Amino acid sequence: MKEAVHIGGPAPAGPDLQQLLGLVARGDQEAFSRVYDSVCGPVLGLVRAVLRDPAQSEEVTQEVLIEVWRTAARFQPSRGSAMTWILTLAHRRAVDRVRSAQSATDRERRAALLEQTPAYDEVIEQVEARLEREQVRRCLRSLTELQRQSVTLAYYRGLAYREVAELLSVPLGTVKTRLRDGLIRLRDCLGVTV
């Protein structure tokens, strides 16, 4: 029996994509070259539709094709066509890249917020200082008018006892006594132990 010769007709078709993947799984580089040529365009198109960045799309396409080379043995024809399997790999890889980029953006945003937030110790110090100031104000209000004026002028405005006495028009001894009594009452009110 003679073999049929195809003169002027189409050449016999070579292996299809599924068969080529089988050859790639066995390490056939020529088969991979043909797979690459067959799927590179559709993979790049799908990846670009997801990523929208040409440079990243090309990078992810290369990653997908390397994955096809390494994992061709995992292809199961019973679960779908070879092209569907490859495009699924491409879609997953593109989505992973988007998620990775979003995670990086989120991390950078959180880091920027942390830099703007005062350190924990600073916050505690500010709160404690505010509470202490409020407690001092409350205790100052418990003093007599002359005691409060004497303490305020001497300790908050930095005046000498003589200057306080002159400003309040009272004898120096009275100012010293009022300051001593006022400071004792403040100490007791603030709960300071000597």
N, C-alpha and C. Protein backbone atom coordinates (compact mmCIF):
# COMPACT_ATOMS: atom_id res chain seq x y z
N MET A 1 0.82 -1.16 0.00
CA MET A 1 0.00 0.00 0.00
C MET A 1 0.88 1.23 0.00
N LYS A 2 0.53 2.18 -0.83
CA LYS A 2 1.32 3.41 -0.93
C LYS A 2 0.76 4.44 0.04
N GLU A 3 1.69 5.28 0.53
CA GLU A 3 1.25 6.39 1.38
C GLU A 3 0.72 7.48 0.50
N ALA A 4 -0.28 8.19 1.01
CA ALA A 4 -0.87 9.28 0.24
C ALA A 4 0.09 10.46 0.24
N VAL A 5 0.28 11.03 -0.93
CA VAL A 5 1.15 12.19 -1.06
C VAL A 5 0.26 13.39 -1.26
N HIS A 6 0.51 14.42 -0.55
CA HIS A 6 -0.32 15.63 -0.58
C HIS A 6 0.36 16.64 -1.47
N ILE A 7 0.01 16.66 -2.69
CA ILE A 7 0.59 17.63 -3.62
C ILE A 7 -0.42 18.74 -3.79
N GLY A 8 0.03 19.94 -3.53
CA GLY A 8 -0.84 21.10 -3.71
C GLY A 8 -1.89 21.25 -2.64
N GLY A 9 -2.02 20.33 -1.74
CA GLY A 9 -3.02 20.44 -0.66
C GLY A 9 -2.33 20.89 0.62
N PRO A 10 -3.11 21.06 1.64
CA PRO A 10 -2.52 21.48 2.91
C PRO A 10 -1.63 20.38 3.48
N ALA A 11 -0.57 20.79 4.13
CA ALA A 11 0.32 19.83 4.77
C ALA A 11 -0.39 19.21 5.94
N PRO A 12 -0.04 17.99 6.26
CA PRO A 12 -0.71 17.36 7.40
C PRO A 12 -0.46 18.19 8.66
N ALA A 13 -1.48 18.29 9.47
CA ALA A 13 -1.38 19.09 10.69
C ALA A 13 -0.44 18.40 11.67
N GLY A 14 0.34 19.20 12.37
CA GLY A 14 1.25 18.66 13.37
C GLY A 14 0.47 18.39 14.65
N PRO A 15 1.19 18.08 15.70
CA PRO A 15 0.51 17.81 16.96
C PRO A 15 -0.25 19.04 17.45
N ASP A 16 -1.39 18.82 18.09
CA ASP A 16 -2.15 19.95 18.63
C ASP A 16 -1.54 20.38 19.97
N LEU A 17 -2.08 21.43 20.56
CA LEU A 17 -1.53 22.01 21.77
C LEU A 17 -1.47 20.99 22.91
N GLN A 18 -2.49 20.18 23.01
CA GLN A 18 -2.53 19.17 24.06
C GLN A 18 -1.38 18.18 23.89
N GLN A 19 -1.16 17.73 22.67
CA GLN A 19 -0.06 16.81 22.41
C GLN A 19 1.29 17.49 22.65
N LEU A 20 1.38 18.74 22.26
CA LEU A 20 2.63 19.48 22.48
C LEU A 20 2.95 19.59 23.98
N LEU A 21 1.92 19.82 24.81
CA LEU A 21 2.14 19.90 26.26
C LEU A 21 2.66 18.57 26.79
N GLY A 22 2.17 17.48 26.23
CA GLY A 22 2.67 16.16 26.62
C GLY A 22 4.16 16.04 26.32
N LEU A 23 4.56 16.54 25.15
CA LEU A 23 5.98 16.50 24.78
C LEU A 23 6.80 17.44 25.67
N VAL A 24 6.24 18.62 25.99
CA VAL A 24 6.91 19.58 26.87
C VAL A 24 7.13 18.94 28.25
N ALA A 25 6.14 18.19 28.71
CA ALA A 25 6.25 17.53 30.01
C ALA A 25 7.44 16.58 30.05
N ARG A 26 7.83 16.07 28.89
CA ARG A 26 8.99 15.16 28.80
C ARG A 26 10.28 15.91 28.49
N GLY A 27 10.22 17.26 28.46
CA GLY A 27 11.41 18.06 28.28
C GLY A 27 11.75 18.41 26.84
N ASP A 28 10.81 18.27 25.94
CA ASP A 28 11.04 18.55 24.52
C ASP A 28 11.05 20.07 24.30
N GLN A 29 12.22 20.63 24.03
CA GLN A 29 12.36 22.07 23.86
C GLN A 29 11.71 22.57 22.57
N GLU A 30 11.77 21.77 21.52
CA GLU A 30 11.14 22.16 20.26
C GLU A 30 9.62 22.26 20.43
N ALA A 31 9.06 21.31 21.17
CA ALA A 31 7.62 21.34 21.44
C ALA A 31 7.27 22.60 22.25
N PHE A 32 8.13 22.95 23.22
CA PHE A 32 7.87 24.14 24.01
C PHE A 32 7.93 25.39 23.14
N SER A 33 8.85 25.42 22.22
CA SER A 33 8.95 26.56 21.30
C SER A 33 7.65 26.73 20.52
N ARG A 34 7.06 25.64 20.10
CA ARG A 34 5.80 25.71 19.36
C ARG A 34 4.64 26.13 20.29
N VAL A 35 4.65 25.61 21.52
CA VAL A 35 3.63 26.02 22.49
C VAL A 35 3.76 27.53 22.74
N TYR A 36 4.97 27.97 22.94
CA TYR A 36 5.25 29.38 23.19
C TYR A 36 4.67 30.24 22.07
N ASP A 37 4.99 29.87 20.83
CA ASP A 37 4.50 30.63 19.68
C ASP A 37 2.98 30.62 19.60
N SER A 38 2.36 29.52 19.99
CA SER A 38 0.90 29.40 19.90
C SER A 38 0.16 30.20 20.96
N VAL A 39 0.73 30.28 22.17
CA VAL A 39 -0.04 30.85 23.28
C VAL A 39 0.46 32.21 23.76
N CYS A 40 1.61 32.64 23.32
CA CYS A 40 2.19 33.89 23.80
C CYS A 40 1.24 35.08 23.61
N GLY A 41 0.66 35.21 22.44
CA GLY A 41 -0.25 36.34 22.17
C GLY A 41 -1.49 36.33 23.05
N PRO A 42 -2.23 35.20 23.12
CA PRO A 42 -3.41 35.17 23.98
C PRO A 42 -3.08 35.39 25.46
N VAL A 43 -1.96 34.82 25.92
CA VAL A 43 -1.58 35.00 27.33
C VAL A 43 -1.29 36.48 27.60
N LEU A 44 -0.50 37.11 26.73
CA LEU A 44 -0.18 38.53 26.91
C LEU A 44 -1.45 39.38 26.89
N GLY A 45 -2.37 39.07 25.99
CA GLY A 45 -3.62 39.83 25.92
C GLY A 45 -4.43 39.71 27.20
N LEU A 46 -4.54 38.50 27.74
CA LEU A 46 -5.29 38.31 28.98
C LEU A 46 -4.62 39.02 30.14
N VAL A 47 -3.32 38.87 30.25
CA VAL A 47 -2.58 39.49 31.36
C VAL A 47 -2.67 41.01 31.28
N ARG A 48 -2.54 41.55 30.08
CA ARG A 48 -2.62 43.01 29.92
C ARG A 48 -4.01 43.52 30.28
N ALA A 49 -5.05 42.73 29.99
CA ALA A 49 -6.41 43.15 30.36
C ALA A 49 -6.57 43.24 31.87
N VAL A 50 -5.85 42.40 32.61
CA VAL A 50 -5.93 42.42 34.07
C VAL A 50 -5.02 43.51 34.66
N LEU A 51 -3.78 43.58 34.19
CA LEU A 51 -2.80 44.48 34.79
C LEU A 51 -2.80 45.90 34.22
N ARG A 52 -3.06 46.03 32.94
CA ARG A 52 -3.09 47.32 32.24
C ARG A 52 -1.73 48.02 32.16
N ASP A 53 -0.69 47.39 32.65
CA ASP A 53 0.66 47.96 32.58
C ASP A 53 1.46 47.09 31.62
N PRO A 54 1.89 47.66 30.47
CA PRO A 54 2.58 46.85 29.47
C PRO A 54 3.84 46.15 29.98
N ALA A 55 4.65 46.85 30.74
CA ALA A 55 5.90 46.25 31.23
C ALA A 55 5.62 45.09 32.18
N GLN A 56 4.71 45.31 33.12
CA GLN A 56 4.36 44.23 34.05
C GLN A 56 3.68 43.09 33.32
N SER A 57 2.88 43.41 32.31
CA SER A 57 2.19 42.37 31.54
C SER A 57 3.20 41.46 30.85
N GLU A 58 4.23 42.04 30.27
CA GLU A 58 5.26 41.24 29.61
C GLU A 58 6.00 40.36 30.63
N GLU A 59 6.28 40.93 31.78
CA GLU A 59 6.98 40.18 32.83
C GLU A 59 6.14 39.00 33.31
N VAL A 60 4.86 39.25 33.55
CA VAL A 60 3.98 38.18 34.02
C VAL A 60 3.80 37.13 32.93
N THR A 61 3.71 37.54 31.68
CA THR A 61 3.59 36.59 30.57
C THR A 61 4.79 35.65 30.55
N GLN A 62 5.98 36.19 30.74
CA GLN A 62 7.18 35.36 30.79
C GLN A 62 7.11 34.39 31.96
N GLU A 63 6.66 34.87 33.11
CA GLU A 63 6.52 33.99 34.28
C GLU A 63 5.56 32.85 33.99
N VAL A 64 4.46 33.16 33.32
CA VAL A 64 3.45 32.14 33.00
C VAL A 64 4.06 31.10 32.06
N LEU A 65 4.76 31.55 31.06
CA LEU A 65 5.33 30.60 30.11
C LEU A 65 6.41 29.74 30.74
N ILE A 66 7.15 30.29 31.67
CA ILE A 66 8.12 29.48 32.43
C ILE A 66 7.37 28.45 33.27
N GLU A 67 6.27 28.87 33.86
CA GLU A 67 5.46 27.95 34.65
C GLU A 67 4.91 26.83 33.77
N VAL A 68 4.50 27.14 32.53
CA VAL A 68 4.02 26.11 31.60
C VAL A 68 5.15 25.11 31.35
N TRP A 69 6.36 25.59 31.13
CA TRP A 69 7.51 24.71 30.89
C TRP A 69 7.74 23.78 32.09
N ARG A 70 7.69 24.36 33.31
CA ARG A 70 7.98 23.58 34.52
C ARG A 70 6.85 22.64 34.91
N THR A 71 5.60 23.02 34.63
CA THR A 71 4.47 22.26 35.16
C THR A 71 3.63 21.58 34.08
N ALA A 72 4.12 21.45 32.90
CA ALA A 72 3.34 20.84 31.81
C ALA A 72 2.82 19.46 32.19
N ALA A 73 3.54 18.75 33.02
CA ALA A 73 3.11 17.40 33.42
C ALA A 73 1.84 17.44 34.26
N ARG A 74 1.51 18.57 34.82
CA ARG A 74 0.29 18.69 35.65
C ARG A 74 -0.97 18.87 34.81
N PHE A 75 -0.80 19.17 33.54
CA PHE A 75 -1.97 19.38 32.68
C PHE A 75 -2.77 18.08 32.58
N GLN A 76 -4.09 18.20 32.80
CA GLN A 76 -4.98 17.04 32.73
C GLN A 76 -6.04 17.32 31.66
N PRO A 77 -5.94 16.65 30.51
CA PRO A 77 -6.89 16.88 29.43
C PRO A 77 -8.34 16.64 29.82
N SER A 78 -8.56 15.79 30.81
CA SER A 78 -9.94 15.49 31.23
C SER A 78 -10.60 16.69 31.91
N ARG A 79 -9.80 17.68 32.34
CA ARG A 79 -10.35 18.83 33.06
C ARG A 79 -10.54 20.04 32.16
N GLY A 80 -10.13 19.96 30.90
CA GLY A 80 -10.32 21.08 29.99
C GLY A 80 -9.23 21.09 28.93
N SER A 81 -9.34 22.05 28.02
CA SER A 81 -8.37 22.13 26.92
C SER A 81 -7.05 22.70 27.42
N ALA A 82 -6.01 22.48 26.62
CA ALA A 82 -4.69 22.98 26.95
C ALA A 82 -4.68 24.51 27.02
N MET A 83 -5.36 25.15 26.07
CA MET A 83 -5.40 26.61 26.06
C MET A 83 -6.10 27.13 27.32
N THR A 84 -7.18 26.48 27.73
CA THR A 84 -7.89 26.90 28.94
C THR A 84 -6.98 26.78 30.15
N TRP A 85 -6.22 25.70 30.23
CA TRP A 85 -5.31 25.48 31.36
C TRP A 85 -4.25 26.59 31.40
N ILE A 86 -3.67 26.91 30.25
CA ILE A 86 -2.63 27.93 30.19
C ILE A 86 -3.20 29.31 30.51
N LEU A 87 -4.38 29.62 29.99
CA LEU A 87 -4.99 30.93 30.27
C LEU A 87 -5.41 31.04 31.74
N THR A 88 -5.78 29.91 32.34
CA THR A 88 -6.10 29.93 33.77
C THR A 88 -4.85 30.25 34.58
N LEU A 89 -3.72 29.63 34.20
CA LEU A 89 -2.45 29.96 34.86
C LEU A 89 -2.15 31.45 34.72
N ALA A 90 -2.36 31.97 33.52
CA ALA A 90 -2.07 33.39 33.25
C ALA A 90 -2.97 34.30 34.09
N HIS A 91 -4.24 33.97 34.14
CA HIS A 91 -5.17 34.80 34.91
C HIS A 91 -4.81 34.79 36.39
N ARG A 92 -4.53 33.62 36.92
CA ARG A 92 -4.16 33.54 38.34
C ARG A 92 -2.89 34.35 38.64
N ARG A 93 -1.91 34.23 37.76
CA ARG A 93 -0.65 34.94 37.98
C ARG A 93 -0.87 36.45 37.91
N ALA A 94 -1.70 36.90 36.98
CA ALA A 94 -1.99 38.34 36.85
C ALA A 94 -2.73 38.86 38.08
N VAL A 95 -3.71 38.10 38.55
CA VAL A 95 -4.45 38.51 39.75
C VAL A 95 -3.53 38.54 40.95
N ASP A 96 -2.63 37.56 41.06
CA ASP A 96 -1.65 37.57 42.15
C ASP A 96 -0.79 38.83 42.11
N ARG A 97 -0.41 39.27 40.93
CA ARG A 97 0.41 40.47 40.79
C ARG A 97 -0.38 41.70 41.25
N VAL A 98 -1.66 41.76 40.88
CA VAL A 98 -2.49 42.89 41.31
C VAL A 98 -2.61 42.89 42.83
N ARG A 99 -2.85 41.73 43.41
CA ARG A 99 -2.98 41.65 44.88
C ARG A 99 -1.67 42.02 45.55
N SER A 100 -0.57 41.57 45.00
CA SER A 100 0.74 41.89 45.56
C SER A 100 0.99 43.40 45.52
N ALA A 101 0.65 44.01 44.40
CA ALA A 101 0.83 45.47 44.27
C ALA A 101 -0.07 46.20 45.26
N GLN A 102 -1.30 45.72 45.43
CA GLN A 102 -2.23 46.36 46.38
C GLN A 102 -1.72 46.20 47.80
N SER A 103 -1.19 45.02 48.13
CA SER A 103 -0.65 44.80 49.47
C SER A 103 0.53 45.73 49.73
N ALA A 104 1.39 45.90 48.73
CA ALA A 104 2.53 46.79 48.89
C ALA A 104 2.06 48.23 49.12
N THR A 105 1.06 48.64 48.36
CA THR A 105 0.51 49.99 48.53
C THR A 105 -0.09 50.16 49.92
N ASP A 106 -0.82 49.14 50.38
CA ASP A 106 -1.41 49.19 51.72
C ASP A 106 -0.34 49.26 52.80
N ARG A 107 0.74 48.47 52.64
CA ARG A 107 1.83 48.51 53.62
C ARG A 107 2.48 49.89 53.66
N GLU A 108 2.71 50.47 52.49
CA GLU A 108 3.31 51.80 52.43
C GLU A 108 2.41 52.84 53.08
N ARG A 109 1.11 52.72 52.86
CA ARG A 109 0.16 53.66 53.45
C ARG A 109 0.17 53.53 54.98
N ARG A 110 0.17 52.27 55.47
CA ARG A 110 0.20 52.06 56.92
C ARG A 110 1.50 52.59 57.52
N ALA A 111 2.61 52.37 56.83
CA ALA A 111 3.90 52.86 57.32
C ALA A 111 3.90 54.39 57.39
N ALA A 112 3.32 55.02 56.38
CA ALA A 112 3.26 56.49 56.38
C ALA A 112 2.40 56.99 57.53
N LEU A 113 1.31 56.31 57.82
CA LEU A 113 0.45 56.71 58.94
C LEU A 113 1.17 56.52 60.27
N LEU A 114 1.94 55.45 60.38
CA LEU A 114 2.67 55.22 61.62
C LEU A 114 3.73 56.29 61.84
N GLU A 115 4.33 56.75 60.76
CA GLU A 115 5.34 57.81 60.89
C GLU A 115 4.70 59.11 61.35
N GLN A 116 3.45 59.34 60.99
CA GLN A 116 2.77 60.57 61.38
C GLN A 116 2.22 60.48 62.81
N THR A 117 1.95 59.28 63.29
CA THR A 117 1.41 59.09 64.63
C THR A 117 2.53 59.21 65.65
N PRO A 118 2.34 60.00 66.69
CA PRO A 118 3.40 60.12 67.69
C PRO A 118 3.67 58.75 68.33
N ALA A 119 4.88 58.57 68.77
CA ALA A 119 5.25 57.31 69.41
C ALA A 119 4.39 57.10 70.65
N TYR A 120 4.23 55.87 71.04
CA TYR A 120 3.38 55.51 72.17
C TYR A 120 3.78 56.27 73.42
N ASP A 121 5.07 56.35 73.70
CA ASP A 121 5.54 57.04 74.89
C ASP A 121 5.19 58.53 74.86
N GLU A 122 5.26 59.15 73.69
CA GLU A 122 4.92 60.56 73.57
C GLU A 122 3.45 60.78 73.91
N VAL A 123 2.59 59.90 73.44
CA VAL A 123 1.16 60.03 73.71
C VAL A 123 0.91 59.90 75.21
N ILE A 124 1.53 58.91 75.82
CA ILE A 124 1.34 58.72 77.26
C ILE A 124 1.83 59.95 78.02
N GLU A 125 2.99 60.45 77.63
CA GLU A 125 3.54 61.62 78.30
C GLU A 125 2.61 62.83 78.16
N GLN A 126 2.06 63.02 76.97
CA GLN A 126 1.14 64.14 76.75
C GLN A 126 -0.11 64.00 77.61
N VAL A 127 -0.66 62.81 77.67
CA VAL A 127 -1.87 62.58 78.46
C VAL A 127 -1.57 62.78 79.94
N GLU A 128 -0.45 62.21 80.40
CA GLU A 128 -0.10 62.36 81.81
C GLU A 128 0.13 63.83 82.16
N ALA A 129 0.82 64.55 81.29
CA ALA A 129 1.07 65.97 81.55
C ALA A 129 -0.24 66.74 81.61
N ARG A 130 -1.16 66.44 80.71
CA ARG A 130 -2.45 67.12 80.70
C ARG A 130 -3.22 66.82 81.99
N LEU A 131 -3.21 65.55 82.40
CA LEU A 131 -3.91 65.18 83.64
C LEU A 131 -3.27 65.85 84.85
N GLU A 132 -1.93 65.90 84.87
CA GLU A 132 -1.25 66.56 85.98
C GLU A 132 -1.58 68.05 86.02
N ARG A 133 -1.59 68.70 84.85
CA ARG A 133 -1.94 70.12 84.82
C ARG A 133 -3.35 70.35 85.34
N GLU A 134 -4.26 69.48 84.95
CA GLU A 134 -5.65 69.63 85.39
C GLU A 134 -5.75 69.43 86.91
N GLN A 135 -4.99 68.48 87.42
CA GLN A 135 -5.02 68.24 88.86
C GLN A 135 -4.41 69.44 89.61
N VAL A 136 -3.34 70.02 89.08
CA VAL A 136 -2.74 71.21 89.71
C VAL A 136 -3.73 72.36 89.69
N ARG A 137 -4.41 72.56 88.55
CA ARG A 137 -5.42 73.64 88.48
C ARG A 137 -6.52 73.44 89.52
N ARG A 138 -6.98 72.19 89.64
CA ARG A 138 -8.05 71.89 90.60
C ARG A 138 -7.56 72.19 92.02
N CYS A 139 -6.32 71.79 92.32
CA CYS A 139 -5.76 72.03 93.65
C CYS A 139 -5.53 73.52 93.90
N LEU A 140 -5.11 74.25 92.86
CA LEU A 140 -4.94 75.70 93.01
C LEU A 140 -6.26 76.37 93.35
N ARG A 141 -7.35 75.87 92.77
CA ARG A 141 -8.67 76.46 93.06
C ARG A 141 -9.10 76.22 94.51
N SER A 142 -8.47 75.25 95.18
CA SER A 142 -8.84 74.98 96.58
C SER A 142 -8.12 75.92 97.55
N LEU A 143 -7.14 76.69 97.06
CA LEU A 143 -6.42 77.63 97.92
C LEU A 143 -7.22 78.91 98.14
N THR A 144 -6.83 79.65 99.18
CA THR A 144 -7.45 80.97 99.38
C THR A 144 -6.96 81.89 98.26
N GLU A 145 -7.63 82.99 98.09
CA GLU A 145 -7.27 83.93 97.01
C GLU A 145 -5.84 84.42 97.16
N LEU A 146 -5.41 84.79 98.37
CA LEU A 146 -4.06 85.30 98.59
C LEU A 146 -3.01 84.21 98.37
N GLN A 147 -3.33 82.98 98.80
CA GLN A 147 -2.40 81.86 98.58
C GLN A 147 -2.24 81.60 97.07
N ARG A 148 -3.37 81.54 96.37
CA ARG A 148 -3.35 81.25 94.93
C ARG A 148 -2.57 82.34 94.18
N GLN A 149 -2.82 83.62 94.51
CA GLN A 149 -2.11 84.71 93.84
C GLN A 149 -0.62 84.65 94.14
N SER A 150 -0.25 84.36 95.37
CA SER A 150 1.16 84.30 95.77
C SER A 150 1.87 83.16 95.03
N VAL A 151 1.27 81.99 95.01
CA VAL A 151 1.88 80.83 94.35
C VAL A 151 1.99 81.09 92.84
N THR A 152 0.94 81.63 92.25
CA THR A 152 0.94 81.88 90.81
C THR A 152 2.03 82.88 90.44
N LEU A 153 2.13 83.97 91.18
CA LEU A 153 3.14 84.99 90.86
C LEU A 153 4.56 84.48 91.10
N ALA A 154 4.76 83.74 92.18
CA ALA A 154 6.11 83.30 92.53
C ALA A 154 6.56 82.11 91.66
N TYR A 155 5.68 81.16 91.43
CA TYR A 155 6.12 79.93 90.76
C TYR A 155 5.77 79.85 89.27
N TYR A 156 4.73 80.51 88.86
CA TYR A 156 4.37 80.47 87.43
C TYR A 156 4.89 81.67 86.66
N ARG A 157 5.03 82.81 87.37
CA ARG A 157 5.57 83.99 86.68
C ARG A 157 7.02 84.24 87.04
N GLY A 158 7.54 83.53 88.03
CA GLY A 158 8.96 83.63 88.38
C GLY A 158 9.35 84.89 89.14
N LEU A 159 8.40 85.51 89.84
CA LEU A 159 8.72 86.73 90.60
C LEU A 159 9.34 86.37 91.95
N ALA A 160 10.21 87.25 92.44
CA ALA A 160 10.80 87.07 93.77
C ALA A 160 9.74 87.39 94.83
N TYR A 161 9.94 86.87 96.04
CA TYR A 161 8.96 87.09 97.11
C TYR A 161 8.70 88.57 97.33
N ARG A 162 9.77 89.39 97.30
CA ARG A 162 9.63 90.83 97.50
C ARG A 162 8.73 91.43 96.42
N GLU A 163 8.92 90.99 95.13
CA GLU A 163 8.10 91.51 94.03
C GLU A 163 6.64 91.10 94.20
N VAL A 164 6.41 89.90 94.69
CA VAL A 164 5.04 89.43 94.93
C VAL A 164 4.40 90.31 96.00
N ALA A 165 5.16 90.59 97.07
CA ALA A 165 4.63 91.41 98.16
C ALA A 165 4.27 92.80 97.66
N GLU A 166 5.12 93.36 96.81
CA GLU A 166 4.85 94.69 96.28
C GLU A 166 3.62 94.68 95.37
N LEU A 167 3.54 93.69 94.52
CA LEU A 167 2.41 93.61 93.59
C LEU A 167 1.08 93.44 94.32
N LEU A 168 1.09 92.63 95.39
CA LEU A 168 -0.16 92.37 96.12
C LEU A 168 -0.40 93.39 97.24
N SER A 169 0.58 94.28 97.44
CA SER A 169 0.49 95.32 98.48
C SER A 169 0.28 94.71 99.86
N VAL A 170 1.07 93.70 100.18
CA VAL A 170 1.04 93.06 101.50
C VAL A 170 2.48 92.93 102.00
N PRO A 171 2.66 92.82 103.30
CA PRO A 171 4.02 92.69 103.84
C PRO A 171 4.71 91.41 103.35
N LEU A 172 6.05 91.45 103.25
CA LEU A 172 6.82 90.31 102.78
C LEU A 172 6.58 89.08 103.64
N GLY A 173 6.50 89.22 104.92
CA GLY A 173 6.26 88.09 105.84
C GLY A 173 4.93 87.40 105.54
N THR A 174 3.91 88.20 105.20
CA THR A 174 2.59 87.64 104.89
C THR A 174 2.68 86.80 103.61
N VAL A 175 3.41 87.31 102.62
CA VAL A 175 3.56 86.58 101.36
C VAL A 175 4.26 85.25 101.62
N LYS A 176 5.36 85.29 102.44
CA LYS A 176 6.09 84.05 102.73
C LYS A 176 5.19 83.05 103.44
N THR A 177 4.40 83.52 104.40
CA THR A 177 3.50 82.62 105.13
C THR A 177 2.44 82.04 104.20
N ARG A 178 1.84 82.89 103.36
CA ARG A 178 0.80 82.42 102.43
C ARG A 178 1.37 81.41 101.42
N LEU A 179 2.60 81.69 100.97
CA LEU A 179 3.25 80.75 100.03
C LEU A 179 3.50 79.41 100.72
N ARG A 180 4.04 79.45 101.96
CA ARG A 180 4.30 78.20 102.66
C ARG A 180 3.02 77.43 102.90
N ASP A 181 1.98 78.11 103.39
CA ASP A 181 0.70 77.44 103.63
C ASP A 181 0.08 76.92 102.32
N GLY A 182 0.18 77.73 101.26
CA GLY A 182 -0.38 77.33 99.97
C GLY A 182 0.33 76.10 99.41
N LEU A 183 1.68 76.07 99.54
CA LEU A 183 2.44 74.93 99.04
C LEU A 183 2.14 73.67 99.84
N ILE A 184 1.92 73.81 101.12
CA ILE A 184 1.56 72.64 101.94
C ILE A 184 0.20 72.10 101.50
N ARG A 185 -0.76 72.99 101.29
CA ARG A 185 -2.09 72.55 100.83
C ARG A 185 -2.01 71.91 99.45
N LEU A 186 -1.19 72.50 98.54
CA LEU A 186 -1.01 71.90 97.21
C LEU A 186 -0.40 70.50 97.33
N ARG A 187 0.64 70.37 98.17
CA ARG A 187 1.27 69.07 98.36
C ARG A 187 0.26 68.03 98.83
N ASP A 188 -0.56 68.41 99.80
CA ASP A 188 -1.55 67.47 100.32
C ASP A 188 -2.60 67.13 99.26
N CYS A 189 -3.04 68.15 98.54
CA CYS A 189 -4.07 67.96 97.50
C CYS A 189 -3.55 67.06 96.38
N LEU A 190 -2.27 67.24 96.01
CA LEU A 190 -1.69 66.46 94.91
C LEU A 190 -1.24 65.07 95.38
N GLY A 191 -1.24 64.84 96.70
CA GLY A 191 -0.83 63.52 97.20
C GLY A 191 0.65 63.28 97.14
N VAL A 192 1.44 64.37 97.21
CA VAL A 192 2.89 64.25 97.16
C VAL A 192 3.39 63.91 98.54
N THR A 193 4.23 62.89 98.61
CA THR A 193 4.81 62.53 99.91
C THR A 193 6.23 63.07 100.00
N VAL A 194 6.60 63.52 101.19
CA VAL A 194 7.93 64.12 101.38
C VAL A 194 8.88 63.08 101.87
